[in-house]
């Protein structure tokens, strides 16, 4: 206990081993879907030669990379963050890179993306950028992430969907229908009741109970498997499956520049770096704020180590062919269950490693069972809005844009970019140039280029 306490700073952060393990298990259950979803996304695309990646090999690669990166975060960063293949980043690889180069060359760009982020982290530039963002805007990032992950949960569960006359609507038809949605509602209400009653392990208990209910409902009712989403809750036919490591090491570092051309490959690399950089930055700030780890000046403990591990995770994703790995916003579910240190990430990483052998069990927990955790934690993260100085329009408007655009555009990066640009423009318009750190000018210009990337690409072409 003394060794654990000293290494992970349990007492200093007001936690216990039991809370950390419980939080780590909760984070795993909230993010385990990526082990199935990432292979589906990558295997659904073809590279320039028409080749597809094997979904079984991708499952092994995804679990391996996630386990390695999460354990690195535990022992190096001492932070309660789970890491895995980033949603959005894998789409860039599958649909922006692969059509112009081979899979190995696309994964080579992912390795380069991680290397660039490591250089930015080790040089201190990434930390300087994070520290240059005003504290009020950092709180807004946490609120925006809360809304974002709540929307992810509602969409994954089928509670809201793309509408015919509106961007989103209630359910697939404008009304709630179907057993999976009913299971989600049951799980959400159970979780809320247990949580407000301060039941230890409320989130974890609710996920487990709801998963059991989902398996029973699926066995007893006639349900279209597509209604459940990626994971259909069925009892596995086998508990153990041998991992296939064939994709590990299959990357070509610079081949993409020759195959697709310097401009196309550079645009892909720029998109990967920018999305990976600011998605992780927003998640680290938001989840750390929710965990109470940010000090009065908005600084995150061991930030340099955390940022370096995040860069290494990008490289690990490329080396394993699982796409860039990054800090997962679902880590907020574990924080909501009490996680405060890297000990929680040890539990998460160990469970991710176990899925290499027990991949059939990963197919038991559907979105309907895990999504309630995202909705509840999103609500908890919304409470950070009290720390945003809404009476100060110079911060309130950028904060609003940050909060709104994350869920509306399904991107943390878009929200951060809009907030930073708005803050810089407002301060400059008022002549308050001394309140704009020089790095914010640089970051604002980078985001202007990011938002106008299609126009810039057309000019270069």
Protein backbone atom coordinates (compact mmCIF):
# COMPACT_ATOMS: atom_id res chain seq x y z
CA UNK A 1 0.00 0.00 0.00
CA UNK A 2 2.83 2.40 0.84
CA UNK A 3 4.55 1.73 -2.48
CA UNK A 4 1.29 2.12 -4.41
CA UNK A 5 0.44 5.30 -2.53
CA UNK A 6 3.85 6.83 -3.14
CA UNK A 7 4.10 5.87 -6.82
CA UNK A 8 0.56 6.80 -7.87
CA UNK A 9 0.04 9.63 -5.31
CA UNK A 10 -3.24 8.10 -4.13
CA UNK A 11 -3.52 10.02 -0.87
CA UNK A 12 -2.40 13.28 -2.45
CA UNK A 13 -5.18 13.00 -5.01
CA UNK A 14 -7.78 11.85 -2.49
CA UNK A 15 -8.27 8.35 -3.84
CA UNK A 16 -8.00 4.69 -2.82
CA UNK A 17 -6.98 1.51 -4.66
CA UNK A 18 -10.60 0.30 -4.69
CA UNK A 19 -11.85 3.51 -6.29
CA UNK A 20 -9.05 3.41 -8.87
CA UNK A 21 -9.70 -0.18 -9.88
CA UNK A 22 -13.45 0.47 -10.04
CA UNK A 23 -12.85 3.56 -12.16
CA UNK A 24 -10.42 1.70 -14.42
CA UNK A 25 -12.92 -1.10 -15.05
CA UNK A 26 -15.61 1.47 -15.82
CA UNK A 27 -13.35 3.22 -18.35
CA UNK A 28 -12.65 -0.13 -20.00
CA UNK A 29 -16.33 -0.97 -20.30
CA UNK A 30 -17.10 2.48 -21.71
CA UNK A 31 -14.36 2.28 -24.37
CA UNK A 32 -14.29 -1.47 -25.12
CA UNK A 33 -16.52 -0.90 -28.15
CA UNK A 34 -13.50 0.51 -30.02
CA UNK A 35 -11.96 -2.98 -30.17
CA UNK A 36 -14.85 -3.94 -32.47
CA UNK A 37 -15.65 -0.59 -34.08
CA UNK A 38 -12.12 0.36 -35.21
CA UNK A 39 -11.67 -2.85 -37.23
CA UNK A 40 -15.07 -2.33 -38.86
CA UNK A 41 -14.14 1.22 -39.93
CA UNK A 42 -10.69 0.31 -41.27
CA UNK A 43 -11.77 -2.97 -42.88
CA UNK A 44 -14.62 -1.16 -44.61
CA UNK A 45 -12.21 0.80 -46.82
CA UNK A 46 -9.88 -0.20 -49.65
CA UNK A 47 -6.41 1.14 -50.34
CA UNK A 48 -5.18 2.38 -53.72
CA UNK A 49 -4.57 -1.22 -54.86
CA UNK A 50 -8.06 -2.35 -53.84
CA UNK A 51 -6.79 -4.33 -50.84
CA UNK A 52 -8.72 -4.58 -47.57
CA UNK A 53 -7.32 -5.23 -44.10
CA UNK A 54 -8.35 -8.44 -42.32
CA UNK A 55 -10.88 -7.68 -39.59
CA UNK A 56 -9.57 -10.40 -37.26
CA UNK A 57 -6.01 -9.09 -37.51
CA UNK A 58 -7.31 -5.55 -36.97
CA UNK A 59 -9.09 -6.63 -33.79
CA UNK A 60 -5.82 -7.99 -32.40
CA UNK A 61 -3.91 -4.88 -33.46
CA UNK A 62 -6.51 -2.56 -31.91
CA UNK A 63 -6.52 -4.36 -28.55
CA UNK A 64 -2.71 -4.67 -28.46
CA UNK A 65 -2.08 -0.99 -29.18
CA UNK A 66 -4.74 0.14 -26.69
CA UNK A 67 -3.30 -2.04 -23.92
CA UNK A 68 0.29 -0.92 -24.48
CA UNK A 69 -0.57 2.79 -24.70
CA UNK A 70 -2.89 2.76 -21.67
CA UNK A 71 -0.27 1.03 -19.52
CA UNK A 72 2.32 3.57 -20.68
CA UNK A 73 -0.03 6.32 -19.53
CA UNK A 74 -0.42 4.56 -16.18
CA UNK A 75 3.28 4.27 -15.35
CA UNK A 76 4.68 7.33 -17.15
CA UNK A 77 1.86 9.87 -17.01
CA UNK A 78 0.15 8.67 -13.79
CA UNK A 79 -3.17 9.79 -15.22
CA UNK A 80 -6.59 8.04 -15.33
CA UNK A 81 -6.72 8.00 -19.12
CA UNK A 82 -7.48 5.10 -21.40
CA UNK A 83 -5.95 5.25 -24.88
CA UNK A 84 -7.02 3.53 -28.08
CA UNK A 85 -7.49 4.13 -31.80
CA UNK A 86 -9.03 7.57 -32.14
CA UNK A 87 -12.40 7.92 -33.83
CA UNK A 88 -12.05 10.50 -36.56
CA UNK A 89 -8.35 9.76 -36.90
CA UNK A 90 -9.15 6.27 -38.20
CA UNK A 91 -11.60 7.80 -40.67
CA UNK A 92 -8.83 10.06 -42.00
CA UNK A 93 -6.62 7.01 -42.49
CA UNK A 94 -9.39 4.93 -44.10
CA UNK A 95 -11.02 7.51 -46.35
CA UNK A 96 -8.46 10.27 -46.87
CA UNK A 97 -5.16 8.38 -46.96
CA UNK A 98 -5.87 4.81 -48.11
CA UNK A 99 -7.53 5.75 -51.45
CA UNK A 100 -4.23 7.33 -52.55
CA UNK A 101 -1.67 4.90 -51.11
CA UNK A 102 -1.24 1.39 -49.73
CA UNK A 103 -2.25 0.50 -46.19
CA UNK A 104 1.39 0.21 -45.15
CA UNK A 105 2.10 3.69 -46.51
CA UNK A 106 -0.96 5.13 -44.76
CA UNK A 107 0.19 3.62 -41.47
CA UNK A 108 3.63 5.12 -42.12
CA UNK A 109 2.00 8.57 -42.08
CA UNK A 110 0.40 7.65 -38.75
CA UNK A 111 3.87 6.83 -37.35
CA UNK A 112 5.11 10.21 -38.61
CA UNK A 113 2.12 11.94 -36.99
CA UNK A 114 3.06 10.43 -33.64
CA UNK A 115 6.70 11.46 -34.12
CA UNK A 116 5.71 15.08 -34.83
CA UNK A 117 3.53 15.20 -31.71
CA UNK A 118 6.39 13.73 -29.62
CA UNK A 119 8.73 16.47 -30.87
CA UNK A 120 6.13 19.12 -29.99
CA UNK A 121 5.69 17.56 -26.53
CA UNK A 122 9.38 17.04 -25.70
CA UNK A 123 10.31 20.52 -26.95
CA UNK A 124 7.69 22.00 -24.63
CA UNK A 125 5.78 23.66 -27.48
CA UNK A 126 2.66 21.59 -26.87
CA UNK A 127 2.62 22.47 -23.18
CA UNK A 128 3.15 26.16 -23.98
CA UNK A 129 0.16 26.06 -26.32
CA UNK A 130 -2.02 24.43 -23.67
CA UNK A 131 -0.90 26.91 -21.01
CA UNK A 132 -1.60 29.85 -23.35
CA UNK A 133 -5.31 29.03 -23.49
CA UNK A 134 -7.28 31.11 -20.92
CA UNK A 135 -8.61 29.21 -17.90
CA UNK A 136 -12.23 30.11 -18.71
CA UNK A 137 -11.84 28.62 -22.18
CA UNK A 138 -10.31 25.47 -20.67
CA UNK A 139 -13.43 25.03 -18.53
CA UNK A 140 -15.54 25.54 -21.67
CA UNK A 141 -13.59 22.74 -23.36
CA UNK A 142 -14.60 20.42 -20.52
CA UNK A 143 -18.26 21.45 -20.85
CA UNK A 144 -18.16 20.96 -24.62
CA UNK A 145 -16.67 17.51 -24.23
CA UNK A 146 -19.45 16.70 -21.77
CA UNK A 147 -22.08 17.61 -24.36
CA UNK A 148 -20.13 15.76 -27.04
CA UNK A 149 -19.86 12.46 -25.18
CA UNK A 150 -23.50 12.71 -24.07
CA UNK A 151 -24.51 13.05 -27.73
CA UNK A 152 -22.25 10.12 -28.64
CA UNK A 153 -24.07 8.02 -26.03
CA UNK A 154 -27.52 9.08 -27.22
CA UNK A 155 -26.66 8.41 -30.88
CA UNK A 156 -24.95 5.08 -30.20
CA UNK A 157 -27.99 3.94 -28.24
CA UNK A 158 -30.40 5.00 -31.00
CA UNK A 159 -32.16 7.44 -28.67
CA UNK A 160 -31.52 10.22 -31.17
CA UNK A 161 -30.82 9.83 -34.89
CA UNK A 162 -30.43 11.80 -38.10
CA UNK A 163 -33.81 13.31 -38.98
CA UNK A 164 -35.55 13.76 -42.30
CA UNK A 165 -36.51 17.40 -41.82
CA UNK A 166 -34.14 18.16 -38.94
CA UNK A 167 -30.46 17.41 -38.30
CA UNK A 168 -31.39 15.10 -35.41
CA UNK A 169 -34.63 13.66 -34.07
CA UNK A 170 -35.95 11.41 -31.33
CA UNK A 171 -35.24 7.82 -32.38
CA UNK A 172 -34.94 6.55 -35.93
CA UNK A 173 -38.51 7.52 -36.86
CA UNK A 174 -39.15 10.56 -34.68
CA UNK A 175 -40.39 8.34 -31.84
CA UNK A 176 -38.69 5.97 -29.42
CA UNK A 177 -39.14 2.39 -30.61
CA UNK A 178 -37.37 -0.95 -30.37
CA UNK A 179 -36.03 -3.14 -27.60
CA UNK A 180 -32.44 -1.76 -27.72
CA UNK A 181 -33.70 1.76 -27.03
CA UNK A 182 -35.81 0.40 -24.18
CA UNK A 183 -32.76 -1.35 -22.73
CA UNK A 184 -30.83 1.92 -22.94
CA UNK A 185 -33.58 3.83 -21.13
CA UNK A 186 -33.66 1.16 -18.43
CA UNK A 187 -29.88 1.38 -18.03
CA UNK A 188 -29.84 5.18 -17.93
CA UNK A 189 -32.59 5.40 -15.30
CA UNK A 190 -30.94 2.67 -13.21
CA UNK A 191 -27.61 4.46 -13.40
CA UNK A 192 -29.12 7.82 -12.43
CA UNK A 193 -30.95 6.33 -9.45
CA UNK A 194 -27.89 4.47 -8.18
CA UNK A 195 -25.66 7.48 -8.72
CA UNK A 196 -27.86 10.02 -6.91
CA UNK A 197 -28.20 7.53 -4.07
CA UNK A 198 -24.37 7.54 -3.97
CA UNK A 199 -24.17 3.77 -4.46
CA UNK A 200 -20.48 2.72 -4.74
CA UNK A 201 -19.78 1.50 -8.26
CA UNK A 202 -23.06 2.91 -9.59
CA UNK A 203 -21.85 3.29 -13.17
CA UNK A 204 -20.11 -0.08 -13.28
CA UNK A 205 -23.04 -1.92 -11.67
CA UNK A 206 -25.48 -0.34 -14.12
CA UNK A 207 -23.40 -1.29 -17.17
CA UNK A 208 -23.10 -4.89 -15.97
CA UNK A 209 -26.80 -5.25 -15.07
CA UNK A 210 -27.93 -3.62 -18.32
CA UNK A 211 -25.63 -5.89 -20.35
CA UNK A 212 -27.22 -8.94 -18.72
CA UNK A 213 -30.69 -7.55 -19.46
CA UNK A 214 -29.63 -6.91 -23.08
CA UNK A 215 -28.45 -10.50 -23.51
CA UNK A 216 -31.74 -11.80 -22.09
CA UNK A 217 -33.87 -9.47 -24.23
CA UNK A 218 -31.94 -10.38 -27.37
CA UNK A 219 -32.44 -14.08 -26.64
CA UNK A 220 -36.18 -13.80 -25.92
CA UNK A 221 -37.35 -11.17 -28.41
CA UNK A 222 -37.19 -11.01 -32.20
CA UNK A 223 -34.80 -8.15 -32.89
CA UNK A 224 -32.97 -7.09 -36.04
CA UNK A 225 -29.25 -7.31 -35.08
CA UNK A 226 -28.65 -3.93 -36.78
CA UNK A 227 -30.75 -2.25 -34.08
CA UNK A 228 -28.09 -3.05 -31.48
CA UNK A 229 -25.32 -1.31 -33.43
CA UNK A 230 -21.78 -2.67 -33.57
CA UNK A 231 -22.13 -5.12 -30.67
CA UNK A 232 -25.01 -7.60 -30.57
CA UNK A 233 -25.48 -8.89 -27.00
CA UNK A 234 -25.23 -12.66 -27.35
CA UNK A 235 -23.61 -15.27 -25.19
CA UNK A 236 -20.24 -16.07 -26.80
CA UNK A 237 -19.79 -19.53 -28.31
CA UNK A 238 -16.22 -19.57 -26.99
CA UNK A 239 -14.40 -17.69 -24.26
CA UNK A 240 -10.92 -17.73 -25.78
CA UNK A 241 -9.69 -16.89 -29.29
CA UNK A 242 -6.06 -16.87 -30.45
CA UNK A 243 -4.76 -13.39 -31.41
CA UNK A 244 -3.34 -12.78 -34.90
CA UNK A 245 -0.39 -10.35 -34.93
CA UNK A 246 0.14 -10.36 -38.71
CA UNK A 247 -0.40 -6.60 -39.12
CA UNK A 248 2.14 -5.56 -36.48
CA UNK A 249 5.14 -3.91 -38.11
CA UNK A 250 3.48 -3.56 -41.52
CA UNK A 251 4.19 0.12 -42.22
CA UNK A 252 6.09 2.11 -44.83
CA UNK A 253 7.37 5.36 -43.34
CA UNK A 254 7.81 7.60 -46.41
CA UNK A 255 6.26 5.58 -49.24
CA UNK A 256 3.04 7.58 -49.15
CA UNK A 257 4.80 10.72 -50.38
CA UNK A 258 6.00 8.88 -53.47
CA UNK A 259 2.74 7.05 -54.17
CA UNK A 260 0.20 9.85 -53.50
CA UNK A 261 2.41 12.89 -54.10
CA UNK A 262 3.94 15.31 -51.63
CA UNK A 263 0.91 17.64 -51.47
CA UNK A 264 -1.70 14.94 -50.83
CA UNK A 265 0.44 13.09 -48.30
CA UNK A 266 1.32 16.36 -46.53
CA UNK A 267 -2.36 17.34 -46.28
CA UNK A 268 -3.17 13.94 -44.74
CA UNK A 269 -0.26 14.27 -42.30
CA UNK A 270 -1.28 17.83 -41.38
CA UNK A 271 -4.87 16.71 -40.73
CA UNK A 272 -3.70 13.81 -38.57
CA UNK A 273 -1.34 15.99 -36.52
CA UNK A 274 -3.85 18.79 -35.98
CA UNK A 275 -6.75 16.48 -35.09
CA UNK A 276 -4.60 14.28 -32.87
CA UNK A 277 -2.99 17.29 -31.17
CA UNK A 278 -6.12 19.23 -30.26
CA UNK A 279 -8.49 16.30 -29.71
CA UNK A 280 -6.11 14.95 -27.09
CA UNK A 281 -5.47 18.41 -25.65
CA UNK A 282 -9.18 19.04 -25.20
CA UNK A 283 -9.77 15.60 -23.69
CA UNK A 284 -6.83 15.91 -21.28
CA UNK A 285 -7.98 19.33 -20.11
CA UNK A 286 -11.66 18.38 -19.84
CA UNK A 287 -11.22 15.04 -18.08
CA UNK A 288 -8.50 16.43 -15.77
CA UNK A 289 -10.79 19.30 -14.84
CA UNK A 290 -13.59 16.84 -14.06
CA UNK A 291 -11.18 14.85 -11.89
CA UNK A 292 -10.17 17.98 -9.98
CA UNK A 293 -6.55 17.65 -11.07
CA UNK A 294 -6.16 21.12 -12.61
CA UNK A 295 -4.66 23.77 -10.33
CA UNK A 296 -5.80 27.38 -9.93
CA UNK A 297 -3.73 28.43 -12.95
CA UNK A 298 -5.22 25.76 -15.19
CA UNK A 299 -2.18 23.46 -15.19
CA UNK A 300 -2.38 19.67 -15.35
CA UNK A 301 0.08 17.64 -13.21
CA UNK A 302 2.76 15.69 -15.14
CA UNK A 303 1.48 17.27 -18.33
CA UNK A 304 4.79 16.87 -20.17
CA UNK A 305 4.82 13.12 -19.57
CA UNK A 306 1.13 12.79 -20.50
CA UNK A 307 1.65 14.63 -23.79
CA UNK A 308 4.72 12.57 -24.64
CA UNK A 309 2.84 9.31 -24.02
CA UNK A 310 0.04 10.58 -26.26
CA UNK A 311 2.58 11.12 -29.05
CA UNK A 312 4.10 7.69 -28.51
CA UNK A 313 0.57 6.28 -28.72
CA UNK A 314 0.22 7.75 -32.18
CA UNK A 315 3.37 5.95 -33.29
CA UNK A 316 2.27 2.68 -31.66
CA UNK A 317 -0.99 2.88 -33.60
CA UNK A 318 0.91 3.17 -36.87
CA UNK A 319 3.36 0.39 -36.02
CA UNK A 320 0.50 -1.99 -35.16
CA UNK A 321 -1.64 -0.86 -38.15
CA UNK A 322 -4.52 0.06 -35.84
CA UNK A 323 -4.48 3.80 -36.74
CA UNK A 324 -3.35 6.60 -34.42
CA UNK A 325 -4.03 5.94 -30.74
CA UNK A 326 -4.92 8.82 -28.47
CA UNK A 327 -6.48 9.69 -25.11
CA UNK A 328 -10.10 8.53 -25.05
CA UNK A 329 -12.83 10.89 -23.94
CA UNK A 330 -14.62 7.88 -22.41
CA UNK A 331 -12.01 8.09 -19.65
CA UNK A 332 -14.45 10.56 -18.13
CA UNK A 333 -16.69 7.59 -17.24
CA UNK A 334 -13.93 6.17 -15.03
CA UNK A 335 -13.30 9.59 -13.49
CA UNK A 336 -17.00 9.79 -12.69
CA UNK A 337 -16.56 6.50 -10.82
CA UNK A 338 -13.66 7.88 -8.78
CA UNK A 339 -10.52 7.38 -10.89
CA UNK A 340 -7.83 9.98 -10.18
CA UNK A 341 -4.45 8.33 -10.86
CA UNK A 342 -2.57 6.02 -13.17
CA UNK A 343 -3.60 3.03 -11.05
CA UNK A 344 -6.99 3.22 -12.79
CA UNK A 345 -5.18 3.03 -16.14
CA UNK A 346 -3.37 -0.10 -14.93
CA UNK A 347 -6.75 -1.76 -14.49
CA UNK A 348 -7.98 -0.47 -17.86
CA UNK A 349 -4.79 -1.54 -19.65
CA UNK A 350 -4.83 -4.99 -18.05
CA UNK A 351 -8.40 -5.59 -19.20
CA UNK A 352 -7.55 -4.36 -22.71
CA UNK A 353 -4.64 -6.83 -22.75
CA UNK A 354 -6.95 -9.63 -21.65
CA UNK A 355 -9.20 -8.96 -24.63
CA UNK A 356 -6.36 -10.26 -26.83
CA UNK A 357 -7.35 -13.71 -25.58
CA UNK A 358 -10.96 -13.12 -24.61
CA UNK A 359 -12.12 -11.21 -27.68
CA UNK A 360 -15.48 -13.08 -27.71
CA UNK A 361 -16.38 -11.42 -24.38
CA UNK A 362 -15.87 -7.99 -25.90
CA UNK A 363 -18.97 -8.70 -27.98
CA UNK A 364 -21.26 -9.02 -24.96
CA UNK A 365 -21.67 -5.36 -23.89
CA UNK A 366 -23.76 -3.44 -26.49
CA UNK A 367 -23.96 0.32 -26.89
CA UNK A 368 -27.33 0.25 -25.12
CA UNK A 369 -25.54 -0.87 -21.94
CA UNK A 370 -22.41 1.32 -22.16
CA UNK A 371 -24.00 4.50 -23.56
CA UNK A 372 -25.82 5.49 -20.32
CA UNK A 373 -22.40 6.06 -18.72
CA UNK A 374 -21.53 8.58 -21.42
CA UNK A 375 -24.81 10.44 -20.94
CA UNK A 376 -24.48 10.60 -17.15
CA UNK A 377 -20.83 11.64 -17.22
CA UNK A 378 -21.68 14.24 -19.86
CA UNK A 379 -24.21 15.69 -17.44
CA UNK A 380 -21.61 15.74 -14.67
CA UNK A 381 -19.07 17.49 -16.90
CA UNK A 382 -21.67 20.14 -17.77
CA UNK A 383 -21.47 21.32 -14.15
CA UNK A 384 -18.08 22.84 -15.03
CA UNK A 385 -20.02 25.58 -16.83
CA UNK A 386 -20.28 27.32 -13.46
CA UNK A 387 -16.57 28.11 -13.76
CA UNK A 388 -16.96 29.94 -17.08
CA UNK A 389 -17.20 33.74 -16.54
CA UNK A 390 -20.45 34.17 -18.49
CA UNK A 391 -20.71 37.81 -17.44
CA UNK A 392 -17.53 38.54 -19.46
CA UNK A 393 -18.58 38.58 -23.13
CA UNK A 394 -14.94 38.49 -24.24
CA UNK A 395 -14.78 34.95 -22.86
CA UNK A 396 -18.46 33.99 -22.95
CA UNK A 397 -18.78 34.09 -26.74
CA UNK A 398 -15.63 32.00 -27.43
CA UNK A 399 -16.72 29.63 -24.65
CA UNK A 400 -20.16 29.22 -26.23
CA UNK A 401 -18.69 28.48 -29.66
CA UNK A 402 -16.34 25.93 -28.11
CA UNK A 403 -19.17 24.20 -26.26
CA UNK A 404 -21.65 24.26 -29.14
CA UNK A 405 -19.43 23.19 -32.02
CA UNK A 406 -18.04 20.07 -30.35
CA UNK A 407 -21.35 18.17 -30.36
CA UNK A 408 -22.76 19.96 -33.42
CA UNK A 409 -19.78 19.00 -35.61
CA UNK A 410 -18.85 15.79 -33.77
CA UNK A 411 -15.31 17.09 -33.29
CA UNK A 412 -13.36 18.31 -30.27
CA UNK A 413 -10.83 19.94 -32.60
CA UNK A 414 -13.48 22.06 -34.34
CA UNK A 415 -14.76 23.37 -31.00
CA UNK A 416 -11.29 24.24 -29.71
CA UNK A 417 -10.42 25.94 -33.00
CA UNK A 418 -13.57 28.07 -33.09
CA UNK A 419 -13.09 29.15 -29.48
CA UNK A 420 -9.43 30.08 -29.91
CA UNK A 421 -10.05 32.07 -33.11
CA UNK A 422 -13.03 33.91 -31.58
CA UNK A 423 -11.07 34.77 -28.41
CA UNK A 424 -8.12 36.11 -30.40
CA UNK A 425 -10.29 38.16 -32.76
CA UNK A 426 -12.39 39.65 -29.94
CA UNK A 427 -9.35 40.68 -27.89
CA UNK A 428 -7.67 42.15 -30.97
CA UNK A 429 -10.83 44.07 -31.95
CA UNK A 430 -10.87 45.65 -28.50
CA UNK A 431 -7.20 46.57 -28.76
CA UNK A 432 -6.23 44.27 -25.88
CA UNK A 433 -3.20 42.85 -27.64
CA UNK A 434 -1.31 42.41 -24.36
CA UNK A 435 -3.92 39.81 -23.31
CA UNK A 436 -3.25 37.62 -26.35
CA UNK A 437 -0.28 35.27 -25.83
CA UNK A 438 1.81 35.20 -28.99
CA UNK A 439 1.24 31.46 -29.30
CA UNK A 440 -2.51 32.04 -29.60
CA UNK A 441 -1.84 34.07 -32.74
CA UNK A 442 0.07 31.13 -34.17
CA UNK A 443 -2.57 28.62 -33.14
CA UNK A 444 -5.34 30.81 -34.54
CA UNK A 445 -3.60 31.01 -37.90
CA UNK A 446 -3.12 27.24 -37.92
CA UNK A 447 -6.83 26.75 -37.25
CA UNK A 448 -7.73 29.19 -40.02
CA UNK A 449 -5.69 26.96 -42.33
CA UNK A 450 -7.37 23.88 -40.87
CA UNK A 451 -10.89 25.20 -41.46
CA UNK A 452 -9.92 26.30 -44.96
CA UNK A 453 -7.94 23.17 -45.81
CA UNK A 454 -10.16 22.30 -48.80
CA UNK A 455 -9.60 25.72 -50.37
CA UNK A 456 -5.85 25.57 -49.71
CA UNK A 457 -5.64 22.09 -51.16
CA UNK A 458 -7.39 23.33 -54.31
CA UNK A 459 -4.94 26.21 -54.65
CA UNK A 460 -1.91 23.91 -54.40
CA UNK A 461 -3.45 21.40 -56.80
